[in-house]
Every structure is written in structure tokens, then in C-alpha cells.
Amino acid sequence: MAFSRSRLAETKTFMNINFKELAEAFIRLEEELELHSLRIDGYPAWEGCRVTTFHQLLHRLGVTGQMHPDVAGIKRKSWTGRKLERLTLLTQDFWRAGSADAVFLCHGRRKLQTDGRWKDVYSDDFAAVFGGNSVSLECSYPGGHRRPAHTNRLYYLDNMEWLVSVCRRFRQYTLHAEDKARLAEIEARFNARFGIETNMAARIENHLIVRHHKKPLYRWLLKRINPKAIFICVAYGHEILIEVCKELGIVVCELQHGTIEKYQMGYYYPETPKPLDVSPDYLLTFGDYWSNLPHILPGTKKISIGFPYLDRESASVADVQKKDQILFISQGAVGQKLSEMAAELAQSPASRSKIIYKLHPNERSGWKEKYTCLLEAGVEVIDGDNPSLYHLLAESRKVVGVYSTAVFEALRFGCAVYIADLPGWEYMETLINSGAAVKVRRISEVEQSAGVLQTPSDYFFAAGWQGKFKSFADGL
């Protein structure tokens, strides 16, 4: 495909774009194309592909690394292994789920507890409020499910996803010619604006094919369980499920699972004042900071509930004493550059603090090959769950990160928080402007700084979650 001179110039421009410029260009283009009004078979097709499209642009244009680089590198089970796992899951297969007042769609990235069971730190405590009158569901997860699970009445959706793949082979679904033409036009505009091949038409069409086959299965399952409400960890990516819930009159609630901020495309809709078709009815946040953010899921009611797991774990390390220690919180998308900053600080003659580098779970495999600078600088690297993140936060005076949820959790432990000037720091613009964190261009500024304004931690993480959640659940 030949590029025009103007398109070549545009490509060069976007290959040097920063995070904020890309996000704002993305939002402008979706408004120009009126993508929030795009309907195919009555379904808001763009809402189901917005996040993946933005993440693709971030990676392909070199603005950030891969969001979760190690997920693709997780060793996959063999064909026989996958079949055996499906057989072992049959006793907890989705079709065995019985009636309940509430359904919880779990997060697959569980944490191992001292009793040897794996806990979903975002939903298990809330599910327990319903006693035995709730059902939990879990989608397939890279590397397999973490078992035995702490979650009661847990059922797996792996075989539903397998049924969808079978249906795709034998039951064809074809878009109308005018819909194909519209998607081709949208893709052409994105390709021209950003100077790369986005394959958007194929991505949206694939989402619509999955929807065609998955909707009847979700409908059957939800009618079987007959819940009043469903609680979802990470609503974006589950638009098909939300669509079915809305059709059946089931209240949809999203449980906050991480950072929600400006430019996070699963939540941020600055030019869309009307409610989205397949967004949750309620967003149950960690605290007022997130509930009060502007342009987040228009039409969705925000309620500050709290974070039960953080409450419990912070109490368990209440007696840990602070050290002259700086903790770096890594993430795959920025890990290469952040690790270099940590190494630079550790090797600085002016550095007086111990430097610790905490890897994201998705970075653990192969980090010694990717982050050699940490080994060369003698930085202590935490590549497991021991000591825990909260123990590290409790004993650290300063924390450096970019846009991890742990940056906010650090405030709960009285840490001075610094945001490294790396791609994605724009997510934290509101936090920085509030005075609760400081943006640093040079890593030496962390040692030189005396600290930042301390904001009451319950502004970020509300206290008394049990009473708040029970009151909310009783009102459903």
C-alpha cells in the first residue's frame, strides 16, 4: 500500500507522539467518527473494542511497552493438559451454578493466602456478605486457574468459551454489507490518522461474532441463576455480559479493581455526556477520590465503599517500623525505563537510602534478562509475594511509580509518593495536581525531596466497608 506524502509526514509525527497527545488525538477521532453512536445489530460495537484499540496504539506507536508483557509468554498447557484441566473443572462448570441473589464475576489474578488457598482480593469479601446466597464465576486465565480457591460456590466459564469456539466453526455469522463498509471506513480513518495498520475492522467484527454466539449462553446461565444483581471486576471487556444483564433487568455493579484515572479508556469519556449502553449501573469505588473524578463512566452512579483486603492487610503490618528505604513499583509497560531509574539512584554517590524494586506479577518471568541493570547496580528485586507489597509499603518512607494502584495504596501507609516522568504518568495528573504526589523528571529529585503533602488516606480508601456494602446490597 503506497503512502501519500502527507500521510508519511503524519506517520512520522505520530511515531514521536507522547501519551497525552495520543490519548487526546484518539478521543478527537472517535468523536469525529461518532463512534459512540455506532450500532451494529443494535449493539454499541465501539464500546466493546475501545480499550484494546487504544492499548494497541500505545504499543505500536512506541509510547509504552506491552501493558502485560508476560501474559503472552506464560507457558501454555499442552493440548492434553488443557483437556485434562477442563475435565477437572467439570464439577465446577458454569452449567452447575444454582440460583442466588447475587453473581460475582471474579478476577483471575488471585493471591495465595497462608491457608494455602487462592483469594480474589477484589470480590471474595463482598461475596461473603451474601452468605451462601451468591455465586461466583471465573473466566479462563493465562497459565490456568489458581486453585484451590478461597471463593465459595465458584464456577468456571472455560467450557462456555470452548463452546463459543465450536459454534464459530459450525454456525456462521456474517455482517451486512453496509456494516462491513462502515467498519472499513472507520479503519481507514484510524490508519490514516495514526500511520499504522490498526486492523480495527477485523477486531470489531470478531467481537460481534463472539457476541452472536455468547449471548444465548449468558442468557441461559443468568436465567438459571436468576440474580438480582451482578458484581463485575473489570467491566470493560465484558460488554456482552452487561448487555444481557440489562435485557434481563439485572442490576450491574462494577467493583473497582485498580487505578481509575483520566485517559484510562475503560472509564474516561470526556465528550460523552449521555449514559453508555453497556456500562455498569453502579461503580463501587475504593473511596471519594475516585467517586468524584470527572468524566468517568457517564450515567453510572459512583458509590464509595472501600477496599476490604487493604483494610485487613494494613492492620496485619501496623507494627512494622519505617526504614530509610525507597520502594519502586514496577509495571510491564514502563518497566524497562523505571528499572534504569532505580539502578541510577542505587549507583548514585549521593544516595543514602536502600533501594528496593518490586516487580509486577506479569514481569516475573525473565526479568533477569530484561532488567540486567538492576543486577549490575545491586538493587534488591522482589520477584514474588514475600515479603508482601503491604509489608514493603509499611517499612518504606518513599515510593516511586507511574500509574500502579500501589501508588495510591502507598498513601494509606504514610509514604511520600513520587510519579516518574514516564509514559502513562498522565493517568496520575489529578493526583499530582491534588498535592498528594510529586512528579519527578530526574530520579535524583526523590532523594533531595523532603516529602509531599499528606492527604487523609480515607479520601482514597473509605473506612467501614462492611456497613456501606451491606446497606447498598440491602437496597438492591
Protein backbone atom coordinates (compact mmCIF):
# COMPACT_ATOMS: atom_id res chain seq x y z
CA MET A 1 0.00 0.00 0.00
CA ALA A 2 1.52 3.33 -1.07
CA PHE A 3 1.60 6.22 1.38
CA SER A 4 0.92 9.76 0.28
CA ARG A 5 3.45 12.45 1.23
CA SER A 6 1.01 13.93 3.78
CA ARG A 7 0.40 10.53 5.33
CA LEU A 8 4.12 9.86 5.61
CA ALA A 9 4.52 13.17 7.43
CA GLU A 10 1.60 12.31 9.70
CA THR A 11 3.15 8.90 10.42
CA LYS A 12 6.44 10.49 11.41
CA THR A 13 4.57 12.85 13.72
CA PHE A 14 2.68 10.10 15.48
CA MET A 15 5.74 7.88 15.82
CA ASN A 16 7.11 10.65 18.09
CA ILE A 17 3.90 11.35 19.97
CA ASN A 18 3.66 11.30 23.76
CA PHE A 19 0.98 9.61 25.85
CA LYS A 20 -1.24 12.65 26.42
CA GLU A 21 -1.13 13.74 22.79
CA LEU A 22 -2.09 10.25 21.65
CA ALA A 23 -4.97 9.99 24.13
CA GLU A 24 -6.40 13.34 23.10
CA ALA A 25 -6.00 12.56 19.39
CA PHE A 26 -7.76 9.24 19.97
CA ILE A 27 -10.68 10.95 21.72
CA ARG A 28 -10.97 13.60 19.00
CA LEU A 29 -11.10 10.97 16.26
CA GLU A 30 -13.74 8.85 17.95
CA GLU A 31 -15.84 11.99 18.28
CA GLU A 32 -15.30 12.95 14.62
CA LEU A 33 -16.44 9.47 13.58
CA GLU A 34 -19.30 9.46 16.13
CA LEU A 35 -18.19 6.03 17.27
CA HIS A 36 -20.27 6.13 20.44
CA SER A 37 -23.33 6.21 18.20
CA LEU A 38 -22.15 3.24 16.11
CA ARG A 39 -24.74 0.46 16.24
CA ILE A 40 -24.47 -2.93 14.50
CA ASP A 41 -27.41 -5.26 15.09
CA GLY A 42 -28.49 -2.77 17.74
CA TYR A 43 -25.23 -3.21 19.66
CA PRO A 44 -22.72 -0.43 20.51
CA ALA A 45 -19.81 -2.16 18.80
CA TRP A 46 -17.21 0.51 19.60
CA GLU A 47 -17.69 0.21 23.36
CA GLY A 48 -16.51 -3.39 23.21
CA CYS A 49 -13.27 -2.56 21.37
CA ARG A 50 -12.28 0.90 22.61
CA VAL A 51 -9.77 -0.19 25.27
CA THR A 52 -8.00 -2.82 23.14
CA THR A 53 -7.70 -0.37 20.25
CA PHE A 54 -6.13 2.32 22.43
CA HIS A 55 -3.69 -0.14 24.02
CA GLN A 56 -2.69 -1.34 20.55
CA LEU A 57 -1.91 2.23 19.51
CA LEU A 58 0.14 2.84 22.67
CA HIS A 59 2.25 -0.21 21.96
CA ARG A 60 2.52 0.01 18.17
CA LEU A 61 3.49 3.69 18.23
CA GLY A 62 6.14 3.01 20.86
CA VAL A 63 4.55 5.21 23.53
CA THR A 64 4.61 2.38 26.09
CA GLY A 65 5.70 -1.23 26.18
CA GLN A 66 3.15 -4.02 26.26
CA MET A 67 0.61 -3.48 29.03
CA HIS A 68 1.02 -7.04 30.33
CA PRO A 69 4.12 -8.34 28.55
CA ASP A 70 4.42 -11.67 30.31
CA VAL A 71 0.84 -12.85 29.77
CA ALA A 72 1.68 -13.90 26.24
CA GLY A 73 4.85 -15.54 27.48
CA ILE A 74 3.22 -17.68 30.16
CA LYS A 75 3.89 -21.31 29.41
CA ARG A 76 0.72 -22.73 27.94
CA LYS A 77 -0.52 -26.15 28.81
CA SER A 78 -0.29 -28.82 26.14
CA TRP A 79 -3.40 -29.90 24.24
CA THR A 80 -3.71 -32.86 26.61
CA GLY A 81 -3.14 -30.62 29.62
CA ARG A 82 -5.89 -28.24 28.58
CA LYS A 83 -8.33 -31.10 28.06
CA LEU A 84 -7.47 -32.59 31.46
CA GLU A 85 -7.97 -29.22 33.13
CA ARG A 86 -11.40 -28.88 31.53
CA LEU A 87 -12.32 -32.32 32.85
CA THR A 88 -11.20 -31.46 36.38
CA LEU A 89 -13.30 -28.28 36.19
CA LEU A 90 -16.47 -30.20 35.30
CA THR A 91 -17.53 -30.40 38.95
CA GLN A 92 -17.43 -26.60 38.98
CA ASP A 93 -18.58 -25.99 35.41
CA PHE A 94 -20.82 -22.98 34.75
CA TRP A 95 -23.92 -25.06 33.98
CA ARG A 96 -23.86 -26.43 37.56
CA ALA A 97 -24.44 -22.99 39.09
CA GLY A 98 -27.72 -22.80 41.02
CA SER A 99 -29.98 -19.91 41.99
CA ALA A 100 -28.63 -16.97 44.02
CA ASP A 101 -29.42 -13.33 44.74
CA ALA A 102 -26.04 -12.13 43.50
CA VAL A 103 -23.41 -13.16 40.96
CA PHE A 104 -19.74 -12.14 41.24
CA LEU A 105 -17.51 -12.23 38.17
CA CYS A 106 -14.10 -12.75 39.76
CA HIS A 107 -10.65 -11.52 38.86
CA GLY A 108 -8.43 -14.43 37.84
CA ARG A 109 -5.23 -12.95 39.31
CA ARG A 110 -5.61 -14.33 42.81
CA LYS A 111 -3.31 -14.07 45.84
CA LEU A 112 -2.10 -17.09 47.78
CA GLN A 113 -3.16 -16.97 51.43
CA THR A 114 -1.48 -18.52 54.47
CA ASP A 115 -4.07 -21.32 54.50
CA GLY A 116 -2.90 -22.46 51.05
CA ARG A 117 -5.96 -21.18 49.20
CA TRP A 118 -6.06 -18.53 46.47
CA LYS A 119 -8.16 -15.45 47.20
CA ASP A 120 -9.77 -12.98 44.83
CA VAL A 121 -8.89 -9.86 46.80
CA TYR A 122 -11.46 -7.75 44.94
CA SER A 123 -14.66 -9.79 45.28
CA ASP A 124 -14.41 -12.54 47.90
CA ASP A 125 -15.06 -10.29 50.90
CA PHE A 126 -18.09 -8.71 49.24
CA ALA A 127 -19.47 -12.12 48.22
CA ALA A 128 -19.21 -13.27 51.84
CA VAL A 129 -21.72 -10.59 52.84
CA PHE A 130 -24.38 -12.56 50.96
CA GLY A 131 -23.53 -15.71 52.91
CA GLY A 132 -24.38 -18.71 50.77
CA ASN A 133 -26.74 -16.68 48.60
CA SER A 134 -24.21 -15.70 45.93
CA VAL A 135 -22.50 -17.45 43.03
CA SER A 136 -19.02 -16.59 41.72
CA LEU A 137 -17.88 -17.09 38.13
CA GLU A 138 -14.35 -17.02 36.74
CA CYS A 139 -13.20 -16.76 33.13
CA SER A 140 -10.20 -18.66 31.81
CA TYR A 141 -6.88 -17.20 32.90
CA PRO A 142 -3.37 -17.37 31.36
CA GLY A 143 -1.50 -20.30 32.85
CA GLY A 144 -4.67 -21.80 34.33
CA HIS A 145 -6.85 -21.12 37.36
CA ARG A 146 -5.29 -20.63 40.79
CA ARG A 147 -6.57 -23.49 42.90
CA PRO A 148 -7.71 -24.37 45.49
CA ALA A 149 -9.68 -21.15 45.51
CA HIS A 150 -10.80 -19.31 48.62
CA THR A 151 -14.09 -18.44 46.89
CA ASN A 152 -17.31 -20.25 47.85
CA ARG A 153 -19.74 -21.50 45.17
CA LEU A 154 -17.20 -20.82 42.42
CA TYR A 155 -17.88 -21.96 38.86
CA TYR A 156 -15.66 -21.68 35.79
CA LEU A 157 -16.55 -20.30 32.36
CA ASP A 158 -13.81 -22.09 30.40
CA ASN A 159 -16.21 -24.51 28.75
CA MET A 160 -18.52 -21.68 27.75
CA GLU A 161 -15.61 -20.12 25.90
CA TRP A 162 -14.85 -23.52 24.34
CA LEU A 163 -18.50 -23.82 23.20
CA VAL A 164 -18.25 -20.40 21.57
CA SER A 165 -15.15 -21.52 19.64
CA VAL A 166 -17.03 -24.64 18.46
CA CYS A 167 -20.07 -22.63 17.42
CA ARG A 168 -17.85 -20.31 15.37
CA ARG A 169 -16.77 -23.27 13.27
CA PHE A 170 -20.22 -24.62 12.53
CA ARG A 171 -22.57 -21.63 12.83
CA GLN A 172 -21.53 -18.79 10.59
CA TYR A 173 -22.29 -15.17 11.36
CA THR A 174 -21.90 -12.58 8.61
CA LEU A 175 -22.13 -8.82 8.84
CA HIS A 176 -24.34 -6.92 6.43
CA ALA A 177 -22.50 -5.30 3.53
CA GLU A 178 -23.26 -1.78 4.77
CA ASP A 179 -21.84 -2.62 8.22
CA LYS A 180 -18.67 -4.02 6.65
CA ALA A 181 -18.32 -0.88 4.58
CA ARG A 182 -18.75 1.34 7.65
CA LEU A 183 -16.10 -0.60 9.59
CA ALA A 184 -13.72 -0.40 6.63
CA GLU A 185 -14.22 3.37 6.55
CA ILE A 186 -13.51 3.64 10.29
CA GLU A 187 -10.36 1.56 9.97
CA ALA A 188 -9.14 3.68 7.05
CA ARG A 189 -9.57 6.86 9.11
CA PHE A 190 -7.65 5.40 12.06
CA ASN A 191 -4.89 4.08 9.80
CA ALA A 192 -4.55 7.48 8.14
CA ARG A 193 -4.63 9.43 11.40
CA PHE A 194 -2.08 7.30 13.26
CA GLY A 195 0.01 5.99 10.37
CA ILE A 196 -0.20 2.28 11.21
CA GLU A 197 -2.37 -0.63 10.17
CA THR A 198 -4.81 -0.99 13.06
CA ASN A 199 -6.90 -3.95 11.80
CA MET A 200 -9.84 -2.34 13.55
CA ALA A 201 -12.50 -3.74 11.22
CA ALA A 202 -11.39 -7.31 11.92
CA ARG A 203 -11.23 -6.65 15.68
CA ILE A 204 -14.74 -5.22 15.82
CA GLU A 205 -16.12 -7.95 13.53
CA ASN A 206 -14.55 -10.63 15.72
CA HIS A 207 -16.14 -9.07 18.80
CA LEU A 208 -19.54 -9.14 17.08
CA ILE A 209 -19.10 -12.79 16.10
CA VAL A 210 -18.26 -13.73 19.70
CA ARG A 211 -21.30 -11.75 20.86
CA HIS A 212 -23.56 -13.63 18.44
CA HIS A 213 -22.59 -16.98 19.95
CA LYS A 214 -22.03 -15.99 23.59
CA LYS A 215 -25.26 -14.05 24.22
CA PRO A 216 -27.55 -17.11 24.23
CA LEU A 217 -25.22 -18.89 26.68
CA TYR A 218 -25.10 -15.92 29.05
CA ARG A 219 -28.86 -15.56 28.82
CA TRP A 220 -29.40 -19.23 29.68
CA LEU A 221 -26.96 -19.06 32.61
CA LEU A 222 -28.40 -15.88 34.11
CA LYS A 223 -31.95 -17.13 33.81
CA ARG A 224 -30.86 -20.28 35.63
CA ILE A 225 -29.22 -18.34 38.49
CA ASN A 226 -31.88 -15.59 38.46
CA PRO A 227 -29.87 -12.98 40.41
CA LYS A 228 -30.98 -9.51 41.42
CA ALA A 229 -27.50 -8.10 40.75
CA ILE A 230 -24.15 -8.97 39.26
CA PHE A 231 -20.83 -7.61 40.56
CA ILE A 232 -18.04 -7.49 37.96
CA CYS A 233 -14.32 -6.97 38.47
CA VAL A 234 -13.20 -5.08 35.35
CA ALA A 235 -16.41 -4.29 33.45
CA TYR A 236 -14.67 -3.28 30.23
CA GLY A 237 -14.14 -6.45 28.25
CA HIS A 238 -17.45 -7.85 29.50
CA GLU A 239 -19.80 -5.69 27.46
CA ILE A 240 -21.66 -8.73 26.08
CA LEU A 241 -22.47 -9.96 29.59
CA ILE A 242 -23.60 -6.47 30.62
CA GLU A 243 -25.85 -6.25 27.55
CA VAL A 244 -27.61 -9.49 28.56
CA CYS A 245 -27.97 -8.31 32.16
CA LYS A 246 -29.61 -5.09 31.02
CA GLU A 247 -32.04 -7.04 28.83
CA LEU A 248 -32.97 -9.26 31.79
CA GLY A 249 -33.31 -6.39 34.26
CA ILE A 250 -30.32 -7.45 36.40
CA VAL A 251 -28.53 -4.62 38.20
CA VAL A 252 -24.89 -4.36 37.07
CA CYS A 253 -22.24 -3.21 39.56
CA GLU A 254 -18.53 -2.87 38.92
CA LEU A 255 -16.10 -3.43 41.80
CA GLN A 256 -13.07 -1.18 41.48
CA HIS A 257 -10.02 -3.36 40.88
CA GLY A 258 -7.28 -0.81 40.31
CA THR A 259 -6.46 2.72 39.27
CA ILE A 260 -9.24 4.72 37.61
CA GLU A 261 -7.99 7.96 36.17
CA LYS A 262 -8.05 10.46 33.36
CA TYR A 263 -7.17 8.93 29.96
CA GLN A 264 -7.95 5.39 31.13
CA MET A 265 -10.14 4.43 28.21
CA GLY A 266 -12.14 1.81 30.06
CA TYR A 267 -13.62 4.64 32.14
CA TYR A 268 -12.77 8.06 30.72
CA TYR A 269 -15.39 9.61 28.39
CA PRO A 270 -14.88 13.41 28.35
CA GLU A 271 -17.01 14.04 25.25
CA THR A 272 -19.87 11.64 26.04
CA PRO A 273 -22.37 13.23 28.43
CA LYS A 274 -25.11 10.61 27.87
CA PRO A 275 -25.03 7.19 29.59
CA LEU A 276 -23.26 4.38 27.75
CA ASP A 277 -25.38 1.44 26.60
CA VAL A 278 -23.27 -1.31 28.13
CA SER A 279 -21.71 0.32 31.18
CA PRO A 280 -22.47 -0.67 34.80
CA ASP A 281 -25.38 0.83 36.69
CA TYR A 282 -23.08 1.34 39.69
CA LEU A 283 -19.35 1.73 40.18
CA LEU A 284 -18.38 0.77 43.74
CA THR A 285 -15.12 2.63 44.35
CA PHE A 286 -12.36 2.42 46.91
CA GLY A 287 -13.11 5.96 48.10
CA ASP A 288 -14.30 9.50 47.39
CA TYR A 289 -11.23 10.39 45.33
CA TRP A 290 -12.41 8.09 42.54
CA SER A 291 -16.12 8.71 43.04
CA ASN A 292 -15.57 12.42 42.46
CA LEU A 293 -13.42 12.18 39.30
CA PRO A 294 -14.98 13.97 36.31
CA HIS A 295 -15.90 12.26 33.00
CA ILE A 296 -15.83 8.73 34.43
CA LEU A 297 -18.50 6.38 33.02
CA PRO A 298 -21.25 8.93 32.32
CA GLY A 299 -24.60 7.76 33.64
CA THR A 300 -23.05 5.28 36.08
CA LYS A 301 -23.68 6.02 39.77
CA LYS A 302 -20.49 6.08 41.87
CA ILE A 303 -20.59 4.91 45.48
CA SER A 304 -17.58 4.97 47.83
CA ILE A 305 -17.37 1.58 49.55
CA GLY A 306 -13.73 0.85 50.42
CA PHE A 307 -11.22 -1.93 49.83
CA PRO A 308 -11.66 -4.78 52.35
CA TYR A 309 -8.43 -6.60 51.51
CA LEU A 310 -6.32 -3.48 52.04
CA ASP A 311 -8.04 -2.84 55.39
CA ARG A 312 -7.21 -6.33 56.64
CA GLU A 313 -3.65 -6.46 55.33
CA SER A 314 -2.72 -2.98 56.55
CA ALA A 315 -3.84 -3.96 60.05
CA SER A 316 -1.55 -7.00 59.91
CA VAL A 317 1.54 -4.82 59.34
CA ALA A 318 0.57 -2.00 61.69
CA ASP A 319 3.60 -2.65 63.91
CA VAL A 320 6.17 -2.54 61.08
CA GLN A 321 8.62 0.33 61.52
CA LYS A 322 9.68 2.73 58.76
CA LYS A 323 13.18 2.44 57.30
CA ASP A 324 15.34 4.72 55.19
CA GLN A 325 14.10 2.86 52.13
CA ILE A 326 12.80 3.80 48.67
CA LEU A 327 10.44 1.33 47.01
CA PHE A 328 9.99 1.27 43.22
CA ILE A 329 6.67 -0.14 41.97
CA SER A 330 7.16 -1.63 38.51
CA GLN A 331 4.74 -2.26 35.64
CA GLY A 332 5.38 -4.04 32.37
CA ALA A 333 4.63 -1.09 30.11
CA VAL A 334 7.26 1.12 31.78
CA GLY A 335 9.46 -1.47 33.49
CA GLN A 336 12.50 -1.05 31.27
CA LYS A 337 12.88 2.67 31.89
CA LEU A 338 11.77 2.55 35.53
CA SER A 339 14.33 -0.17 36.29
CA GLU A 340 17.04 2.05 34.78
CA MET A 341 15.97 4.90 37.04
CA ALA A 342 16.15 2.63 40.10
CA ALA A 343 19.61 1.43 39.08
CA GLU A 344 20.79 5.00 38.54
CA LEU A 345 19.63 6.03 42.02
CA ALA A 346 21.23 2.97 43.63
CA GLN A 347 24.59 3.78 41.99
CA SER A 348 24.50 7.47 42.84
CA PRO A 349 27.19 8.51 45.36
CA ALA A 350 24.63 10.84 46.93
CA SER A 351 22.13 8.07 47.57
CA ARG A 352 21.75 7.19 51.25
CA SER A 353 18.63 5.02 51.08
CA LYS A 354 18.17 1.33 50.43
CA ILE A 355 16.57 0.77 47.01
CA ILE A 356 14.02 -1.99 46.52
CA TYR A 357 12.40 -2.83 43.19
CA LYS A 358 9.01 -4.62 43.31
CA LEU A 359 8.07 -6.43 40.09
CA HIS A 360 4.53 -6.66 38.77
CA PRO A 361 3.39 -10.34 38.71
CA ASN A 362 3.42 -10.27 34.89
CA GLU A 363 7.09 -9.22 34.86
CA ARG A 364 8.49 -12.02 36.99
CA SER A 365 9.36 -14.40 34.17
CA GLY A 366 12.66 -13.46 32.52
CA TRP A 367 13.25 -10.25 34.46
CA LYS A 368 16.96 -11.02 34.93
CA GLU A 369 17.42 -10.91 31.17
CA LYS A 370 15.23 -7.81 30.66
CA TYR A 371 16.36 -5.73 33.63
CA THR A 372 20.09 -6.50 33.81
CA CYS A 373 20.78 -3.01 35.11
CA LEU A 374 19.16 -3.92 38.44
CA LEU A 375 21.56 -6.82 38.95
CA GLU A 376 24.55 -4.71 37.97
CA ALA A 377 23.55 -1.98 40.44
CA GLY A 378 22.92 -4.43 43.27
CA VAL A 379 19.27 -3.41 43.65
CA GLU A 380 17.18 -5.79 45.78
CA VAL A 381 14.47 -7.13 43.49
CA ILE A 382 11.22 -8.60 44.84
CA ASP A 383 10.01 -11.12 42.28
CA GLY A 384 7.46 -12.96 44.42
CA ASP A 385 4.81 -12.37 47.08
CA ASN A 386 7.13 -12.50 50.06
CA PRO A 387 7.60 -10.01 51.60
CA SER A 388 4.15 -8.76 50.72
CA LEU A 389 3.54 -5.47 48.95
CA TYR A 390 1.90 -4.08 52.07
CA HIS A 391 4.84 -5.04 54.29
CA LEU A 392 7.15 -3.23 51.85
CA LEU A 393 4.91 -0.16 51.84
CA ALA A 394 4.71 -0.17 55.63
CA GLU A 395 8.51 -0.08 56.01
CA SER A 396 9.31 2.33 53.13
CA ARG A 397 9.49 6.09 53.55
CA LYS A 398 9.26 6.88 49.83
CA VAL A 399 7.60 5.16 46.87
CA VAL A 400 8.28 5.70 43.17
CA GLY A 401 5.87 4.50 40.48
CA VAL A 402 3.99 5.60 37.39
CA TYR A 403 0.31 4.63 37.44
CA SER A 404 0.06 1.49 39.56
CA THR A 405 -2.72 1.11 42.14
CA ALA A 406 0.09 0.50 44.66
CA VAL A 407 0.99 4.18 44.33
CA PHE A 408 -2.35 5.05 45.92
CA GLU A 409 -2.02 2.27 48.47
CA ALA A 410 1.30 3.82 49.49
CA LEU A 411 -0.62 6.88 50.70
CA ARG A 412 -2.51 4.61 53.10
CA PHE A 413 0.86 3.72 54.69
CA GLY A 414 2.06 7.30 55.02
CA CYS A 415 4.64 7.07 52.24
CA ALA A 416 5.84 10.08 50.27
CA VAL A 417 4.79 9.30 46.69
CA TYR A 418 6.70 10.22 43.52
CA ILE A 419 5.46 9.76 39.96
CA ALA A 420 8.23 9.10 37.45
CA ASP A 421 8.03 11.13 34.25
CA LEU A 422 7.47 8.08 32.04
CA PRO A 423 4.70 7.30 29.52
CA GLY A 424 1.42 6.94 31.37
CA TRP A 425 2.20 9.44 34.15
CA GLU A 426 -0.67 11.43 32.70
CA TYR A 427 -3.03 8.93 34.32
CA MET A 428 -1.90 10.45 37.63
CA GLU A 429 -2.35 14.09 36.66
CA THR A 430 -5.28 14.57 39.05
CA LEU A 431 -3.37 13.02 41.95
CA ILE A 432 -0.33 15.21 41.26
CA ASN A 433 -2.46 18.34 40.99
CA SER A 434 -4.06 17.49 44.34
CA GLY A 435 -0.65 17.78 46.00
CA ALA A 436 -0.65 14.17 47.25
CA ALA A 437 2.17 13.14 44.88
CA VAL A 438 5.14 14.76 43.15
CA LYS A 439 6.15 14.23 39.53
CA VAL A 440 9.91 13.82 39.07
CA ARG A 441 11.89 14.18 35.85
CA ARG A 442 15.26 13.26 37.37
CA ILE A 443 15.43 10.39 39.80
CA SER A 444 17.85 12.35 41.99
CA GLU A 445 14.88 14.55 42.95
CA VAL A 446 13.48 11.70 45.05
CA GLU A 447 16.48 11.72 47.41
CA GLN A 448 16.57 15.50 47.54
CA SER A 449 12.87 15.98 48.28
CA ALA A 450 11.74 16.18 51.89
CA GLY A 451 8.28 14.84 51.12
CA VAL A 452 4.83 15.86 49.95
CA LEU A 453 1.53 16.99 51.37
CA GLN A 454 -0.16 14.16 53.25
CA THR A 455 -3.79 13.67 52.27
CA PRO A 456 -6.14 11.78 54.66
CA SER A 457 -5.96 8.17 53.45
CA ASP A 458 -9.71 7.58 53.88
CA TYR A 459 -10.24 10.01 50.99
CA PHE A 460 -8.73 7.34 48.76
CA PHE A 461 -9.86 4.27 50.73
CA ALA A 462 -13.12 4.67 52.61
CA ALA A 463 -13.43 3.23 56.10
CA GLY A 464 -16.22 0.94 57.27
CA TRP A 465 -16.75 -1.05 54.09
CA GLN A 466 -18.94 -3.71 55.75
CA GLY A 467 -21.69 -1.30 56.75
CA LYS A 468 -21.54 0.61 53.47
CA PHE A 469 -21.73 -2.51 51.32
CA LYS A 470 -24.44 -4.20 53.36
CA SER A 471 -26.56 -1.06 53.16
CA PHE A 472 -26.05 -0.96 49.40
CA ALA A 473 -26.80 -4.68 48.93
CA ASP A 474 -29.96 -4.46 51.05
CA GLY A 475 -31.24 -1.67 48.81
CA LEU A 476 -30.93 -3.63 45.57
